[in-house]
Structure formats: C-alpha cells, structure tokens
Protein backbone atom coordinates (compact mmCIF):
# COMPACT_ATOMS: atom_id res chain seq x y z
CA MET A 1 -38.17 -53.95 18.00
CA ALA A 2 -34.75 -54.39 19.91
CA LYS A 3 -33.51 -52.13 22.60
CA VAL A 4 -29.98 -50.78 22.23
CA LYS A 5 -27.79 -51.71 25.17
CA GLU A 6 -27.10 -48.89 27.69
CA GLU A 7 -23.28 -49.25 27.39
CA MET A 8 -23.57 -48.56 23.66
CA LEU A 9 -26.17 -45.79 24.03
CA ALA A 10 -24.31 -43.91 26.83
CA PRO A 11 -21.41 -42.62 24.53
CA VAL A 12 -24.00 -41.39 22.03
CA ASN A 13 -25.87 -39.51 24.65
CA GLU A 14 -22.59 -38.14 26.17
CA ALA A 15 -21.47 -36.94 22.62
CA HIS A 16 -24.88 -35.18 22.11
CA LYS A 17 -24.61 -33.32 25.47
CA VAL A 18 -21.08 -32.15 24.73
CA MET A 19 -22.06 -31.16 21.19
CA GLN A 20 -25.03 -29.12 22.49
CA ALA A 21 -22.84 -27.37 25.09
CA ILE A 22 -20.31 -26.58 22.32
CA ARG A 23 -23.20 -25.24 20.10
CA VAL A 24 -24.40 -22.98 23.03
CA GLU A 25 -20.89 -21.61 23.59
CA LEU A 26 -20.44 -21.02 19.88
CA GLY A 27 -23.63 -19.09 19.80
CA SER A 28 -22.49 -17.00 22.82
CA LEU A 29 -19.15 -16.20 21.05
CA ALA A 30 -20.95 -15.18 17.92
CA LEU A 31 -23.24 -12.86 19.90
CA ALA A 32 -20.12 -11.40 21.76
CA GLU A 33 -18.55 -10.67 18.46
CA LEU A 34 -21.59 -8.71 17.17
CA HIS A 35 -21.58 -6.90 20.56
CA LYS A 36 -17.91 -6.15 20.15
CA GLU A 37 -18.47 -4.59 16.62
CA ALA A 38 -21.24 -2.55 17.84
CA LEU A 39 -19.11 -1.23 20.71
CA LEU A 40 -16.34 -0.50 18.37
CA ALA A 41 -18.51 1.49 16.04
CA ALA A 42 -20.07 3.44 19.00
CA TYR A 43 -16.43 4.14 20.21
CA LYS A 44 -15.45 5.45 16.74
CA GLU A 45 -18.50 7.70 16.70
CA GLN A 46 -17.62 9.24 20.08
CA GLN A 47 -14.03 9.72 18.94
CA GLN A 48 -15.47 11.72 15.99
CA LYS A 49 -17.70 13.82 18.22
CA LEU A 50 -14.73 14.37 20.62
CA LYS A 51 -12.63 15.58 17.66
CA GLU A 52 -15.31 17.99 16.43
CA ALA A 53 -15.93 19.43 19.87
CA THR A 54 -12.30 20.06 20.56
CA ASP A 55 -11.77 21.44 17.16
CA ALA A 56 -14.61 23.85 17.93
CA ILE A 57 -12.97 24.99 21.20
CA GLN A 58 -9.61 25.41 19.48
CA ALA A 59 -11.13 27.39 16.78
CA GLU A 60 -12.76 29.77 19.32
CA TYR A 61 -9.96 29.85 22.07
CA GLY A 62 -6.87 28.91 20.22
CA ASP A 63 -4.33 26.27 21.18
CA GLY A 64 -4.39 25.08 24.84
CA SER A 65 -6.31 22.65 27.05
CA VAL A 66 -9.51 22.56 29.04
CA ASP A 67 -9.87 21.54 32.65
CA LEU A 68 -12.95 19.36 32.29
CA GLU A 69 -13.95 19.72 35.92
CA SER A 70 -13.82 23.57 36.11
CA GLY A 71 -14.40 24.27 32.45
CA GLU A 72 -11.43 26.65 32.43
CA PHE A 73 -9.42 27.15 29.27
CA MET A 74 -5.66 27.31 29.67
CA PRO A 75 -3.79 28.63 26.75
CA GLY A 76 -0.85 26.65 25.33
CA GLU A 77 2.52 28.07 25.23
CA ALA A 78 3.51 29.73 22.07
CA PRO A 79 6.23 27.83 20.19
CA ALA A 80 9.65 29.14 20.90
CA ALA A 81 11.32 30.98 18.19
CA GLU A 82 14.04 29.06 16.50
CA VAL A 83 17.43 30.83 16.66
CA VAL A 84 19.30 30.32 13.43
CA GLU A 85 23.02 31.36 13.63
CA GLU A 86 24.83 32.22 10.57
C-alpha cells in the first residue's frame, strides 16, 4: 500500500476543515432562522393580546390613554366640531 505524499494530502485536509466549519456555520444560521420565526410568532401573539387589552379599556373608559406606571386613565379630547360656512 502506498502512502500519499504530505504535500498532496495537505490541501485535501484543509478543504475538509473549511467545509466542516462552513457546515457548522450553516447549521447555526438555520437554527437562528428557526429562532427568528418563533420570536416573530410570539411578537405577533403579544400584539394581539395588547390590542385586545386596549380595546377592553377603550370599551370601558372611552377614548384616551393610560399611564402605565400610575394606571391612571386620561380621557382623550373630543374631536372639534367642524364649522361649515354657507
């Protein structure tokens, strides 16, 4: 059995090392993409919960805003009546 010369084998080993590093990086990117999708789904779910909660406050108290630190509701200003000149 003949032994392959080191100068011929070195590029093969180097290519294998680089390919392995690329495979690891590609795996990390795939996992990151899955994580990103899960985070986006969770964000959308929280947006829906926020909308439902603010809709419930608006139904109870009317238009306005809530100071999240104090919990105080501040009514919004009524829209100004439009003056129509004839």
